[in-house]
Amino acid sequence: MKHILIASDLSEEALRPFGTVVSLAEQWGAKITLLHVVHELVVAPHGAPLAPPVTSPDLPAEKKAAKEALEKQAQQLGGGAQVEVVVTSSPQVPAAINHYANEHEVDLIAISTHGRTGWRHLALGSVAEEVLRHSEIPVLTFPRKK
């Protein structure tokens, strides 16, 4: 194990893997990438349904704010592991996480779950579940404590 990816949605729950991942990284001499994917909303331009889709004009500002928040989270990692902070954007967050992991020789993906069930799970989905289902790389999930 040389490279561990922690996927963060910038919530408090995203911090759950930190202690375990830092211990593993120190034990294996692995680097850690802390990744956040800004959900990119793609829409047809108003009044031109056949025009190519466009993204939010606020996307650069959203990515900048996410990078600042992710850097604050990175400070909470502690330990002596090498940490890289990466912010990207995509209309499909789980696919972007898996793509990044595949393209950057990640050996392990760590992600926390929100533990949504019922209607909330149906409406909001589960990024962790989608990452797990489609990943070619081992995924370590950290569930919500009861």
Protein backbone atom coordinates (compact mmCIF):
# COMPACT_ATOMS: atom_id res chain seq x y z
CA MET A 1 0.00 0.00 0.00
CA LYS A 2 1.57 3.19 -1.20
CA HIS A 3 -1.40 5.52 -1.73
CA ILE A 4 -4.62 5.90 0.28
CA LEU A 5 -7.49 8.10 -0.86
CA ILE A 6 -9.93 9.61 1.64
CA ALA A 7 -13.08 10.89 -0.05
CA SER A 8 -14.57 13.82 1.86
CA ASP A 9 -17.89 15.58 1.47
CA LEU A 10 -16.57 18.27 3.87
CA SER A 11 -18.96 17.16 6.65
CA GLU A 12 -18.02 16.22 10.20
CA GLU A 13 -18.83 12.61 9.30
CA ALA A 14 -16.10 12.67 6.66
CA LEU A 15 -13.54 12.90 9.48
CA ARG A 16 -14.31 9.37 10.74
CA PRO A 17 -11.63 7.59 8.64
CA PHE A 18 -8.85 10.00 9.61
CA GLY A 19 -7.39 8.22 12.65
CA THR A 20 -7.38 4.77 11.05
CA VAL A 21 -6.05 5.99 7.71
CA VAL A 22 -3.21 7.97 9.31
CA SER A 23 -2.21 4.87 11.31
CA LEU A 24 -2.25 2.72 8.18
CA ALA A 25 -0.33 5.32 6.16
CA GLU A 26 2.35 5.62 8.83
CA GLN A 27 2.59 1.84 9.16
CA TRP A 28 2.88 1.27 5.40
CA GLY A 29 4.75 4.46 4.48
CA ALA A 30 1.84 5.45 2.24
CA LYS A 31 0.81 8.91 1.13
CA ILE A 32 -2.73 10.17 1.68
CA THR A 33 -4.84 12.08 -0.80
CA LEU A 34 -7.80 13.93 0.67
CA LEU A 35 -10.28 14.34 -2.20
CA HIS A 36 -13.47 16.38 -2.51
CA VAL A 37 -15.64 16.34 -5.61
CA VAL A 38 -17.82 19.41 -6.10
CA HIS A 39 -21.15 18.28 -7.52
CA GLU A 40 -21.31 19.98 -10.88
CA LEU A 41 -24.85 20.75 -11.98
CA VAL A 42 -25.15 20.57 -15.74
CA VAL A 43 -28.23 22.17 -17.32
CA ALA A 44 -29.51 23.16 -20.73
CA PRO A 45 -29.31 26.92 -21.29
CA HIS A 46 -32.62 28.72 -20.71
CA GLY A 47 -34.55 29.11 -23.94
CA ALA A 48 -32.18 26.86 -25.89
CA PRO A 49 -33.00 23.23 -25.07
CA LEU A 50 -30.88 21.92 -27.97
CA ALA A 51 -27.78 23.91 -27.02
CA PRO A 52 -24.89 22.12 -25.32
CA PRO A 53 -25.29 21.84 -21.53
CA VAL A 54 -23.60 24.43 -19.33
CA THR A 55 -22.36 24.37 -15.75
CA SER A 56 -22.88 26.88 -12.98
CA PRO A 57 -20.93 30.12 -13.39
CA ASP A 58 -20.20 29.84 -9.65
CA LEU A 59 -18.24 26.61 -10.11
CA PRO A 60 -14.77 28.22 -9.74
CA ALA A 61 -15.86 29.94 -6.50
CA GLU A 62 -17.38 26.67 -5.22
CA LYS A 63 -14.14 24.82 -5.94
CA LYS A 64 -12.09 27.53 -4.19
CA ALA A 65 -14.32 27.40 -1.09
CA ALA A 66 -14.16 23.60 -1.10
CA LYS A 67 -10.36 23.67 -1.31
CA GLU A 68 -10.18 25.97 1.73
CA ALA A 69 -12.55 23.71 3.71
CA LEU A 70 -10.63 20.60 2.65
CA GLU A 71 -7.31 22.15 3.71
CA LYS A 72 -8.83 22.78 7.16
CA GLN A 73 -9.86 19.13 7.31
CA ALA A 74 -6.35 18.08 6.24
CA GLN A 75 -4.94 19.88 9.28
CA GLN A 76 -7.00 17.53 11.45
CA LEU A 77 -5.30 14.46 9.97
CA GLY A 78 -2.23 14.89 12.16
CA GLY A 79 0.51 12.28 12.12
CA GLY A 80 3.56 12.18 9.93
CA ALA A 81 2.00 10.97 6.68
CA GLN A 82 2.40 12.93 3.45
CA VAL A 83 -0.98 14.50 2.59
CA GLU A 84 -2.17 15.95 -0.71
CA VAL A 85 -5.42 17.94 -0.97
CA VAL A 86 -7.35 17.67 -4.25
CA VAL A 87 -10.61 19.31 -5.31
CA THR A 88 -12.27 18.44 -8.59
CA SER A 89 -15.79 18.66 -10.00
CA SER A 90 -18.12 16.31 -11.79
CA PRO A 91 -21.82 15.77 -12.38
CA GLN A 92 -21.32 12.23 -11.02
CA VAL A 93 -19.46 12.32 -7.70
CA PRO A 94 -19.01 8.55 -7.15
CA ALA A 95 -17.72 8.05 -10.69
CA ALA A 96 -15.28 10.93 -10.22
CA ILE A 97 -13.92 9.38 -7.01
CA ASN A 98 -13.38 6.03 -8.72
CA HIS A 99 -11.86 7.68 -11.79
CA TYR A 100 -9.41 9.66 -9.67
CA ALA A 101 -8.43 6.50 -7.77
CA ASN A 102 -7.84 4.56 -10.98
CA GLU A 103 -5.87 7.35 -12.66
CA HIS A 104 -3.62 8.05 -9.66
CA GLU A 105 -2.62 4.53 -8.62
CA VAL A 106 -4.60 4.56 -5.39
CA ASP A 107 -4.36 1.29 -3.42
CA LEU A 108 -7.22 1.90 -0.96
CA ILE A 109 -10.24 4.21 -0.85
CA ALA A 110 -11.55 5.24 2.58
CA ILE A 111 -14.99 6.81 2.85
CA SER A 112 -17.50 7.39 5.61
CA THR A 113 -21.18 6.65 5.24
CA HIS A 114 -24.02 8.85 6.42
CA GLY A 115 -26.23 5.91 7.35
CA ARG A 116 -29.30 7.21 5.55
CA THR A 117 -32.19 4.79 5.19
CA GLY A 118 -35.66 4.80 3.71
CA TRP A 119 -36.84 7.91 1.90
CA ARG A 120 -33.66 9.91 2.63
CA HIS A 121 -31.52 7.16 1.08
CA LEU A 122 -33.84 6.93 -1.92
CA ALA A 123 -33.90 10.71 -2.46
CA LEU A 124 -30.28 11.52 -1.68
CA GLY A 125 -28.64 8.24 -2.66
CA SER A 126 -25.38 7.03 -1.26
CA VAL A 127 -22.05 8.13 -2.65
CA ALA A 128 -20.25 5.54 -0.54
CA GLU A 129 -22.48 2.76 -1.85
CA GLU A 130 -21.90 3.77 -5.48
CA VAL A 131 -18.14 4.04 -4.95
CA LEU A 132 -18.14 0.58 -3.37
CA ARG A 133 -20.25 -0.97 -6.14
CA HIS A 134 -18.17 0.33 -9.03
CA SER A 135 -14.66 0.51 -7.61
CA GLU A 136 -11.88 -1.70 -8.94
CA ILE A 137 -9.89 -0.78 -5.83
CA PRO A 138 -10.56 -1.96 -2.25
CA VAL A 139 -12.89 0.39 -0.37
CA LEU A 140 -12.84 0.75 3.40
CA THR A 141 -16.11 2.23 4.69
CA PHE A 142 -16.64 3.87 8.06
CA PRO A 143 -20.27 3.68 9.19
CA ARG A 144 -21.99 6.10 11.52
CA LYS A 145 -21.83 5.07 15.16
CA LYS A 146 -25.16 4.24 16.75
